[in-house]
């Protein structure tokens, strides 16, 4: 067996173990509400609202901040669609039924998490332009990413890779616009 296959098997084994535990766990009501709201916020409307707010009230750097975020998220969308089609990794909810989450996936494939990629791709440049928003943006992004795992939409590795790619694209986009 090749080392690449061994690494992938190691990751997949742990991903499936976490998936089975979460799929059978009936989370407390407050956590279920938080996770559903987080994943819904990550569907895009919170980012549109933040983008409009930045354009209206973002001060002198508003156009650079908006441009960096739009560039990062556009690149992210193109990249995650290509990678998802190439990976063809099934979602946890397509492998095993979840005990309480009835959230439907936006597309067929799991790897990487588009919600996590987009959240970090937008949050990182905005955090760099507006440091006073950094904590709120990162809490929002982490909540969105975690919600995807808890709701059975993604494996842990999907979210980790998506978050790292999104953060990298966001930072690169910030460097282009600063």
N, C-alpha and C. Protein backbone atom coordinates (compact mmCIF):
# COMPACT_ATOMS: atom_id res chain seq x y z
N UNK A 1 0.85 -1.18 0.00
CA UNK A 1 0.00 0.00 0.00
C UNK A 1 0.89 1.24 0.00
N UNK A 2 0.53 2.22 -0.82
CA UNK A 2 1.33 3.44 -0.91
C UNK A 2 1.13 4.30 0.33
N UNK A 3 2.10 5.17 0.57
CA UNK A 3 1.99 6.04 1.75
C UNK A 3 0.81 7.01 1.61
N UNK A 4 0.53 7.44 0.38
CA UNK A 4 -0.62 8.33 0.16
C UNK A 4 -1.92 7.63 0.56
N UNK A 5 -2.06 6.39 0.17
CA UNK A 5 -3.26 5.62 0.50
C UNK A 5 -3.34 5.37 2.01
N UNK A 6 -2.21 5.14 2.66
CA UNK A 6 -2.21 4.93 4.10
C UNK A 6 -2.66 6.19 4.84
N UNK A 7 -2.17 7.35 4.40
CA UNK A 7 -2.56 8.62 5.02
C UNK A 7 -4.06 8.84 4.82
N UNK A 8 -4.54 8.61 3.59
CA UNK A 8 -5.96 8.80 3.31
C UNK A 8 -6.81 7.85 4.16
N UNK A 9 -6.40 6.60 4.30
CA UNK A 9 -7.13 5.63 5.13
C UNK A 9 -7.16 6.08 6.59
N UNK A 10 -6.04 6.60 7.08
CA UNK A 10 -5.95 7.11 8.45
C UNK A 10 -6.97 8.23 8.66
N UNK A 11 -7.00 9.19 7.73
CA UNK A 11 -7.93 10.33 7.82
C UNK A 11 -9.37 9.84 7.73
N UNK A 12 -9.64 8.99 6.76
CA UNK A 12 -11.01 8.51 6.55
C UNK A 12 -11.53 7.72 7.74
N UNK A 13 -10.70 6.91 8.35
CA UNK A 13 -11.11 6.12 9.52
C UNK A 13 -11.55 7.05 10.65
N UNK A 14 -10.77 8.08 10.91
CA UNK A 14 -11.13 9.03 11.96
C UNK A 14 -12.36 9.86 11.60
N UNK A 15 -12.45 10.26 10.34
CA UNK A 15 -13.63 10.99 9.87
C UNK A 15 -14.90 10.17 10.08
N UNK A 16 -14.87 8.92 9.74
CA UNK A 16 -16.05 8.06 9.87
C UNK A 16 -16.38 7.80 11.34
N UNK A 17 -15.37 7.71 12.17
CA UNK A 17 -15.62 7.51 13.60
C UNK A 17 -16.35 8.73 14.19
N UNK A 18 -15.88 9.92 13.87
CA UNK A 18 -16.52 11.15 14.34
C UNK A 18 -17.94 11.24 13.77
N UNK A 19 -18.09 10.93 12.48
CA UNK A 19 -19.40 10.98 11.84
C UNK A 19 -20.41 10.08 12.56
N UNK A 20 -20.02 8.86 12.83
CA UNK A 20 -20.94 7.93 13.51
C UNK A 20 -21.32 8.43 14.90
N UNK A 21 -20.36 8.97 15.63
CA UNK A 21 -20.65 9.50 16.96
C UNK A 21 -21.62 10.67 16.89
N UNK A 22 -21.37 11.60 15.98
CA UNK A 22 -22.24 12.77 15.85
C UNK A 22 -23.62 12.42 15.31
N UNK A 23 -23.66 11.47 14.39
CA UNK A 23 -24.95 11.08 13.81
C UNK A 23 -25.88 10.43 14.83
N UNK A 24 -25.32 9.82 15.84
CA UNK A 24 -26.13 9.15 16.86
C UNK A 24 -26.38 10.03 18.09
N UNK A 25 -25.66 11.13 18.20
CA UNK A 25 -25.74 12.01 19.36
C UNK A 25 -26.89 12.98 19.20
N UNK A 26 -27.73 13.05 20.18
CA UNK A 26 -28.82 14.02 20.17
C UNK A 26 -28.35 15.22 20.98
N UNK A 27 -27.86 16.23 20.27
CA UNK A 27 -27.29 17.42 20.89
C UNK A 27 -28.35 18.17 21.68
N UNK A 28 -27.93 18.93 22.70
CA UNK A 28 -28.89 19.76 23.45
C UNK A 28 -29.58 20.74 22.50
N UNK A 29 -30.77 21.12 22.87
CA UNK A 29 -31.59 22.00 22.01
C UNK A 29 -30.87 23.29 21.65
N UNK A 30 -30.21 23.95 22.62
CA UNK A 30 -29.52 25.20 22.34
C UNK A 30 -28.44 25.02 21.29
N UNK A 31 -27.74 23.88 21.34
CA UNK A 31 -26.68 23.62 20.37
C UNK A 31 -27.26 23.34 18.99
N UNK A 32 -28.35 22.60 18.95
CA UNK A 32 -29.01 22.33 17.66
C UNK A 32 -29.44 23.64 17.00
N UNK A 33 -30.04 24.53 17.79
CA UNK A 33 -30.48 25.82 17.24
C UNK A 33 -29.28 26.63 16.75
N UNK A 34 -28.24 26.68 17.57
CA UNK A 34 -27.03 27.41 17.19
C UNK A 34 -26.43 26.86 15.89
N UNK A 35 -26.33 25.54 15.76
CA UNK A 35 -25.73 24.94 14.58
C UNK A 35 -26.58 25.17 13.33
N UNK A 36 -27.88 25.06 13.46
CA UNK A 36 -28.75 25.31 12.31
C UNK A 36 -28.67 26.77 11.88
N UNK A 37 -28.69 27.69 12.84
CA UNK A 37 -28.55 29.11 12.52
C UNK A 37 -27.19 29.39 11.89
N UNK A 38 -26.15 28.78 12.43
CA UNK A 38 -24.81 29.00 11.88
C UNK A 38 -24.71 28.55 10.44
N UNK A 39 -25.23 27.37 10.16
CA UNK A 39 -25.15 26.87 8.79
C UNK A 39 -26.01 27.71 7.85
N UNK A 40 -27.14 28.20 8.33
CA UNK A 40 -28.00 29.08 7.50
C UNK A 40 -27.32 30.42 7.25
N UNK A 41 -26.62 30.94 8.27
CA UNK A 41 -25.87 32.18 8.07
C UNK A 41 -24.80 31.98 6.98
N UNK A 42 -24.21 30.80 6.97
CA UNK A 42 -23.18 30.50 5.98
C UNK A 42 -23.71 30.27 4.58
N UNK A 43 -25.04 30.21 4.43
CA UNK A 43 -25.63 30.03 3.09
C UNK A 43 -25.41 31.24 2.20
N UNK A 44 -25.03 32.37 2.77
CA UNK A 44 -24.66 33.53 1.96
C UNK A 44 -25.27 34.84 2.38
N UNK A 45 -26.47 34.82 2.93
CA UNK A 45 -27.12 36.12 3.18
C UNK A 45 -26.40 36.96 4.22
N UNK A 46 -25.74 36.35 5.20
CA UNK A 46 -24.99 37.15 6.18
C UNK A 46 -23.82 37.87 5.49
N UNK A 47 -23.22 37.19 4.52
CA UNK A 47 -22.08 37.79 3.82
C UNK A 47 -22.53 38.93 2.91
N UNK A 48 -23.71 38.78 2.30
CA UNK A 48 -24.25 39.89 1.50
C UNK A 48 -24.53 41.10 2.39
N UNK A 49 -25.09 40.83 3.56
CA UNK A 49 -25.40 41.90 4.51
C UNK A 49 -24.12 42.59 4.97
N UNK A 50 -23.11 41.81 5.29
CA UNK A 50 -21.83 42.39 5.72
C UNK A 50 -21.19 43.17 4.57
N UNK A 51 -21.27 42.64 3.36
CA UNK A 51 -20.70 43.34 2.20
C UNK A 51 -21.35 44.69 1.96
N UNK A 52 -22.67 44.73 2.04
CA UNK A 52 -23.39 46.00 1.87
C UNK A 52 -23.04 46.96 3.00
N UNK A 53 -22.93 46.43 4.22
CA UNK A 53 -22.56 47.28 5.36
C UNK A 53 -21.16 47.86 5.18
N UNK A 54 -20.24 47.04 4.70
CA UNK A 54 -18.88 47.52 4.45
C UNK A 54 -18.91 48.65 3.42
N UNK A 55 -19.64 48.45 2.35
CA UNK A 55 -19.71 49.49 1.31
C UNK A 55 -20.34 50.78 1.83
N UNK A 56 -21.33 50.65 2.69
CA UNK A 56 -22.02 51.84 3.21
C UNK A 56 -21.27 52.54 4.34
N UNK A 57 -20.68 51.74 5.23
CA UNK A 57 -20.12 52.31 6.47
C UNK A 57 -18.65 51.97 6.69
N UNK A 58 -17.97 51.44 5.69
CA UNK A 58 -16.62 50.92 5.87
C UNK A 58 -15.48 51.91 5.84
N UNK A 59 -15.79 53.19 5.74
CA UNK A 59 -14.73 54.20 5.78
C UNK A 59 -13.88 54.21 4.52
N UNK A 60 -12.67 54.72 4.67
CA UNK A 60 -11.78 54.91 3.53
C UNK A 60 -11.34 53.62 2.85
N UNK A 61 -11.26 52.54 3.58
CA UNK A 61 -10.78 51.28 2.99
C UNK A 61 -11.92 50.38 2.51
N UNK A 62 -13.13 50.92 2.45
CA UNK A 62 -14.29 50.08 2.14
C UNK A 62 -14.19 49.40 0.77
N UNK A 63 -13.71 50.10 -0.23
CA UNK A 63 -13.65 49.51 -1.57
C UNK A 63 -12.56 48.44 -1.65
N UNK A 64 -11.44 48.67 -0.96
CA UNK A 64 -10.38 47.66 -0.93
C UNK A 64 -10.84 46.43 -0.16
N UNK A 65 -11.49 46.63 0.99
CA UNK A 65 -11.98 45.51 1.80
C UNK A 65 -13.04 44.71 1.04
N UNK A 66 -13.96 45.42 0.42
CA UNK A 66 -15.01 44.75 -0.36
C UNK A 66 -14.40 43.99 -1.53
N UNK A 67 -13.48 44.64 -2.24
CA UNK A 67 -12.83 43.99 -3.38
C UNK A 67 -12.05 42.75 -2.99
N UNK A 68 -11.33 42.84 -1.88
CA UNK A 68 -10.56 41.68 -1.41
C UNK A 68 -11.49 40.52 -1.05
N UNK A 69 -12.58 40.82 -0.37
CA UNK A 69 -13.52 39.77 0.03
C UNK A 69 -14.21 39.14 -1.17
N UNK A 70 -14.64 39.97 -2.11
CA UNK A 70 -15.31 39.45 -3.31
C UNK A 70 -14.35 38.61 -4.14
N UNK A 71 -13.12 39.08 -4.28
CA UNK A 71 -12.12 38.32 -5.03
C UNK A 71 -11.86 36.97 -4.37
N UNK A 72 -11.70 36.98 -3.05
CA UNK A 72 -11.43 35.74 -2.32
C UNK A 72 -12.59 34.76 -2.43
N UNK A 73 -13.80 35.23 -2.25
CA UNK A 73 -14.94 34.30 -2.26
C UNK A 73 -15.24 33.82 -3.68
N UNK A 74 -15.01 34.65 -4.68
CA UNK A 74 -15.22 34.20 -6.07
C UNK A 74 -14.22 33.11 -6.42
N UNK A 75 -12.97 33.31 -6.05
CA UNK A 75 -11.95 32.29 -6.27
C UNK A 75 -12.29 31.02 -5.51
N UNK A 76 -12.77 31.19 -4.30
CA UNK A 76 -13.16 30.06 -3.47
C UNK A 76 -14.26 29.24 -4.13
N UNK A 77 -15.29 29.91 -4.63
CA UNK A 77 -16.41 29.20 -5.25
C UNK A 77 -15.95 28.39 -6.46
N UNK A 78 -15.12 29.00 -7.29
CA UNK A 78 -14.59 28.29 -8.46
C UNK A 78 -13.78 27.08 -8.01
N UNK A 79 -12.88 27.29 -7.04
CA UNK A 79 -12.00 26.22 -6.58
C UNK A 79 -12.78 25.08 -5.92
N UNK A 80 -13.71 25.38 -5.01
CA UNK A 80 -14.38 24.27 -4.34
C UNK A 80 -15.28 23.49 -5.30
N UNK A 81 -15.83 24.13 -6.30
CA UNK A 81 -16.64 23.39 -7.28
C UNK A 81 -15.77 22.43 -8.09
N UNK A 82 -14.60 22.88 -8.49
CA UNK A 82 -13.69 22.02 -9.25
C UNK A 82 -13.23 20.85 -8.39
N UNK A 83 -12.81 21.14 -7.15
CA UNK A 83 -12.29 20.09 -6.28
C UNK A 83 -13.39 19.10 -5.89
N UNK A 84 -14.60 19.58 -5.62
CA UNK A 84 -15.70 18.67 -5.28
C UNK A 84 -15.99 17.69 -6.41
N UNK A 85 -16.03 18.20 -7.64
CA UNK A 85 -16.29 17.32 -8.78
C UNK A 85 -15.17 16.32 -8.98
N UNK A 86 -13.95 16.74 -8.69
CA UNK A 86 -12.80 15.83 -8.84
C UNK A 86 -12.76 14.79 -7.73
N UNK A 87 -13.08 15.19 -6.49
CA UNK A 87 -12.97 14.26 -5.36
C UNK A 87 -14.13 13.28 -5.31
N UNK A 88 -15.32 13.74 -5.62
CA UNK A 88 -16.53 12.90 -5.60
C UNK A 88 -16.72 12.19 -4.26
N UNK A 89 -16.30 12.81 -3.20
CA UNK A 89 -16.45 12.21 -1.86
C UNK A 89 -17.90 12.36 -1.39
N UNK A 90 -18.48 11.26 -0.99
CA UNK A 90 -19.86 11.29 -0.50
C UNK A 90 -19.93 12.05 0.82
N UNK A 91 -21.06 12.69 1.03
CA UNK A 91 -21.31 13.40 2.28
C UNK A 91 -21.67 12.40 3.37
N UNK A 92 -21.39 12.76 4.63
CA UNK A 92 -21.79 11.88 5.74
C UNK A 92 -23.29 11.57 5.73
N UNK A 93 -24.12 12.56 5.39
CA UNK A 93 -25.56 12.33 5.39
C UNK A 93 -26.00 11.39 4.28
N UNK A 94 -25.15 11.14 3.30
CA UNK A 94 -25.46 10.17 2.24
C UNK A 94 -24.95 8.77 2.61
N UNK A 95 -24.10 8.70 3.61
CA UNK A 95 -23.54 7.42 4.04
C UNK A 95 -24.35 6.83 5.19
N UNK A 96 -24.73 7.69 6.14
CA UNK A 96 -25.43 7.23 7.34
C UNK A 96 -26.43 8.30 7.78
N UNK A 97 -27.60 7.88 8.17
CA UNK A 97 -28.66 8.79 8.59
C UNK A 97 -28.28 9.50 9.89
N UNK A 98 -28.62 10.78 9.95
CA UNK A 98 -28.38 11.60 11.14
C UNK A 98 -29.59 11.49 12.06
N UNK A 99 -29.36 11.50 13.37
CA UNK A 99 -30.46 11.28 14.32
C UNK A 99 -31.43 12.45 14.43
N UNK A 100 -30.99 13.68 14.22
CA UNK A 100 -31.90 14.82 14.40
C UNK A 100 -31.83 15.88 13.31
N UNK A 101 -30.74 15.99 12.60
CA UNK A 101 -30.60 17.03 11.60
C UNK A 101 -31.33 16.64 10.31
N UNK A 102 -32.14 17.53 9.86
CA UNK A 102 -32.87 17.32 8.59
C UNK A 102 -32.45 18.35 7.54
N UNK A 103 -31.31 19.00 7.77
CA UNK A 103 -30.79 19.99 6.83
C UNK A 103 -30.35 19.25 5.56
N UNK A 104 -30.75 19.77 4.42
CA UNK A 104 -30.40 19.15 3.15
C UNK A 104 -29.12 19.76 2.59
N UNK A 105 -28.25 18.95 2.01
CA UNK A 105 -27.00 19.48 1.46
C UNK A 105 -27.26 20.30 0.19
N UNK A 106 -26.43 21.33 -0.03
CA UNK A 106 -26.61 22.18 -1.20
C UNK A 106 -26.14 21.51 -2.51
N UNK A 107 -25.30 20.51 -2.39
CA UNK A 107 -24.82 19.80 -3.57
C UNK A 107 -24.50 18.36 -3.18
N UNK A 108 -23.98 17.60 -4.12
CA UNK A 108 -23.82 16.17 -3.93
C UNK A 108 -22.56 15.77 -3.16
N UNK A 109 -21.48 16.50 -3.33
CA UNK A 109 -20.19 16.05 -2.81
C UNK A 109 -19.73 16.81 -1.57
N UNK A 110 -18.83 16.17 -0.83
CA UNK A 110 -18.46 16.63 0.50
C UNK A 110 -17.15 17.42 0.55
N UNK A 111 -16.15 17.00 -0.20
CA UNK A 111 -14.81 17.55 -0.03
C UNK A 111 -14.48 18.58 -1.09
N UNK A 112 -14.05 19.77 -0.67
CA UNK A 112 -13.96 20.37 0.66
C UNK A 112 -15.27 21.09 1.00
N UNK A 113 -15.36 21.60 2.20
CA UNK A 113 -16.55 22.32 2.63
C UNK A 113 -16.56 23.73 2.02
N UNK A 114 -17.54 23.97 1.16
CA UNK A 114 -17.69 25.29 0.56
C UNK A 114 -18.10 26.34 1.57
N UNK A 115 -18.94 25.94 2.55
CA UNK A 115 -19.34 26.90 3.59
C UNK A 115 -18.12 27.37 4.39
N UNK A 116 -17.27 26.42 4.79
CA UNK A 116 -16.07 26.77 5.57
C UNK A 116 -15.10 27.59 4.73
N UNK A 117 -14.91 27.19 3.47
CA UNK A 117 -13.99 27.95 2.60
C UNK A 117 -14.47 29.39 2.43
N UNK A 118 -15.74 29.54 2.13
CA UNK A 118 -16.29 30.87 1.91
C UNK A 118 -16.24 31.73 3.16
N UNK A 119 -16.59 31.12 4.30
CA UNK A 119 -16.59 31.88 5.55
C UNK A 119 -15.21 32.45 5.85
N UNK A 120 -14.18 31.64 5.74
CA UNK A 120 -12.84 32.11 6.04
C UNK A 120 -12.28 33.01 4.93
N UNK A 121 -12.67 32.75 3.69
CA UNK A 121 -12.21 33.59 2.58
C UNK A 121 -12.73 35.02 2.72
N UNK A 122 -13.90 35.18 3.31
CA UNK A 122 -14.45 36.51 3.52
C UNK A 122 -13.97 37.11 4.84
N UNK A 123 -13.95 36.29 5.88
CA UNK A 123 -13.61 36.79 7.22
C UNK A 123 -12.16 37.26 7.33
N UNK A 124 -11.25 36.57 6.70
CA UNK A 124 -9.83 36.92 6.85
C UNK A 124 -9.52 38.31 6.28
N UNK A 125 -9.87 38.61 5.02
CA UNK A 125 -9.55 39.97 4.56
C UNK A 125 -10.31 41.05 5.32
N UNK A 126 -11.56 40.80 5.67
CA UNK A 126 -12.30 41.80 6.44
C UNK A 126 -11.66 42.01 7.80
N UNK A 127 -11.17 40.95 8.42
CA UNK A 127 -10.48 41.06 9.71
C UNK A 127 -9.19 41.86 9.60
N UNK A 128 -8.54 41.75 8.45
CA UNK A 128 -7.29 42.48 8.25
C UNK A 128 -7.57 43.98 8.03
N UNK A 129 -8.62 44.29 7.31
CA UNK A 129 -8.98 45.69 7.09
C UNK A 129 -9.66 46.31 8.30
N UNK A 130 -10.41 45.52 9.05
CA UNK A 130 -11.16 46.01 10.22
C UNK A 130 -10.83 45.13 11.43
N UNK A 131 -9.69 45.33 12.07
CA UNK A 131 -9.27 44.50 13.20
C UNK A 131 -10.29 44.46 14.34
N UNK A 132 -11.08 45.51 14.49
CA UNK A 132 -12.08 45.54 15.56
C UNK A 132 -13.19 44.51 15.33
N UNK A 133 -13.31 44.00 14.12
CA UNK A 133 -14.32 42.98 13.80
C UNK A 133 -13.76 41.56 13.81
N UNK A 134 -12.46 41.45 14.05
CA UNK A 134 -11.78 40.16 13.92
C UNK A 134 -12.41 39.05 14.76
N UNK A 135 -12.65 39.30 16.03
CA UNK A 135 -13.20 38.25 16.91
C UNK A 135 -14.57 37.80 16.43
N UNK A 136 -15.44 38.75 16.13
CA UNK A 136 -16.80 38.41 15.68
C UNK A 136 -16.77 37.62 14.37
N UNK A 137 -15.93 38.05 13.42
CA UNK A 137 -15.86 37.36 12.13
C UNK A 137 -15.29 35.95 12.28
N UNK A 138 -14.29 35.79 13.14
CA UNK A 138 -13.70 34.46 13.33
C UNK A 138 -14.64 33.54 14.10
N UNK A 139 -15.36 34.06 15.08
CA UNK A 139 -16.36 33.25 15.80
C UNK A 139 -17.44 32.80 14.82
N UNK A 140 -17.90 33.70 13.98
CA UNK A 140 -18.91 33.36 12.97
C UNK A 140 -18.38 32.28 12.03
N UNK A 141 -17.16 32.44 11.53
CA UNK A 141 -16.58 31.47 10.60
C UNK A 141 -16.39 30.10 11.24
N UNK A 142 -15.88 30.08 12.46
CA UNK A 142 -15.70 28.81 13.16
C UNK A 142 -17.05 28.14 13.43
N UNK A 143 -18.05 28.93 13.81
CA UNK A 143 -19.39 28.38 14.05
C UNK A 143 -19.96 27.76 12.78
N UNK A 144 -19.79 28.45 11.67
CA UNK A 144 -20.27 27.92 10.39
C UNK A 144 -19.56 26.62 10.06
N UNK A 145 -18.25 26.60 10.22
CA UNK A 145 -17.47 25.40 9.90
C UNK A 145 -17.87 24.22 10.80
N UNK A 146 -17.96 24.45 12.09
CA UNK A 146 -18.33 23.37 13.02
C UNK A 146 -19.74 22.87 12.74
N UNK A 147 -20.64 23.79 12.39
CA UNK A 147 -22.03 23.38 12.14
C UNK A 147 -22.11 22.38 11.00
N UNK A 148 -21.24 22.49 10.03
CA UNK A 148 -21.28 21.59 8.88
C UNK A 148 -20.97 20.16 9.30
N UNK A 149 -20.10 19.99 10.29
CA UNK A 149 -19.77 18.66 10.79
C UNK A 149 -20.90 18.15 11.69
N UNK A 150 -21.33 18.97 12.62
CA UNK A 150 -22.36 18.55 13.58
C UNK A 150 -23.68 18.22 12.89
N UNK A 151 -24.00 18.92 11.80
CA UNK A 151 -25.25 18.66 11.08
C UNK A 151 -25.14 17.51 10.07
N UNK A 152 -23.97 16.90 9.97
CA UNK A 152 -23.81 15.75 9.09
C UNK A 152 -23.61 16.09 7.62
N UNK A 153 -23.24 17.32 7.33
CA UNK A 153 -23.03 17.73 5.94
C UNK A 153 -21.61 17.43 5.47
N UNK A 154 -20.66 17.45 6.42
CA UNK A 154 -19.25 17.28 6.08
C UNK A 154 -18.51 16.45 7.11
N UNK A 155 -17.41 15.88 6.68
CA UNK A 155 -16.47 15.23 7.57
C UNK A 155 -15.55 16.31 8.15
N UNK A 156 -14.88 15.97 9.23
CA UNK A 156 -13.94 16.92 9.86
C UNK A 156 -12.87 17.36 8.86
N UNK A 157 -12.31 16.42 8.12
CA UNK A 157 -11.24 16.78 7.16
C UNK A 157 -11.75 17.72 6.08
N UNK A 158 -13.01 17.59 5.66
CA UNK A 158 -13.58 18.51 4.66
C UNK A 158 -13.56 19.94 5.18
N UNK A 159 -13.92 20.09 6.44
CA UNK A 159 -14.03 21.41 7.05
C UNK A 159 -12.64 21.98 7.35
N UNK A 160 -11.73 21.16 7.81
CA UNK A 160 -10.37 21.64 8.09
C UNK A 160 -9.70 22.11 6.80
N UNK A 161 -9.76 21.30 5.76
CA UNK A 161 -9.15 21.68 4.49
C UNK A 161 -9.85 22.91 3.90
N UNK A 162 -11.18 22.92 3.94
CA UNK A 162 -11.92 24.08 3.44
C UNK A 162 -11.56 25.36 4.18
N UNK A 163 -11.46 25.27 5.50
CA UNK A 163 -11.12 26.44 6.31
C UNK A 163 -9.72 26.94 5.98
N UNK A 164 -8.78 26.04 5.86
CA UNK A 164 -7.40 26.44 5.54
C UNK A 164 -7.29 27.03 4.15
N UNK A 165 -7.95 26.42 3.18
CA UNK A 165 -7.93 26.97 1.82
C UNK A 165 -8.59 28.35 1.78
N UNK A 166 -9.73 28.47 2.44
CA UNK A 166 -10.43 29.76 2.48
C UNK A 166 -9.59 30.83 3.15
N UNK A 167 -8.95 30.49 4.27
CA UNK A 167 -8.10 31.45 4.97
C UNK A 167 -6.92 31.87 4.09
N UNK A 168 -6.33 30.91 3.40
CA UNK A 168 -5.21 31.23 2.51
C UNK A 168 -5.63 32.12 1.35
N UNK A 169 -6.76 31.80 0.75
CA UNK A 169 -7.27 32.64 -0.34
C UNK A 169 -7.65 34.03 0.16
N UNK A 170 -8.25 34.08 1.35
CA UNK A 170 -8.61 35.37 1.94
C UNK A 170 -7.39 36.23 2.22
N UNK A 171 -6.35 35.62 2.77
CA UNK A 171 -5.14 36.37 3.07
C UNK A 171 -4.45 36.82 1.79
N UNK A 172 -4.39 35.93 0.81
CA UNK A 172 -3.79 36.29 -0.48
C UNK A 172 -4.54 37.44 -1.14
N UNK A 173 -5.84 37.41 -1.03
CA UNK A 173 -6.66 38.47 -1.59
C UNK A 173 -6.43 39.80 -0.85
N UNK A 174 -6.29 39.71 0.47
CA UNK A 174 -5.97 40.91 1.26
C UNK A 174 -4.64 41.52 0.77
N UNK A 175 -3.64 40.67 0.55
CA UNK A 175 -2.34 41.17 0.09
C UNK A 175 -2.44 41.86 -1.26
N UNK A 176 -3.33 41.40 -2.12
CA UNK A 176 -3.53 42.03 -3.42
C UNK A 176 -4.15 43.42 -3.33
N UNK A 177 -5.00 43.61 -2.31
CA UNK A 177 -5.78 44.85 -2.23
C UNK A 177 -5.29 45.87 -1.19
N UNK A 178 -4.36 45.49 -0.34
CA UNK A 178 -3.97 46.44 0.72
C UNK A 178 -3.21 47.61 0.21
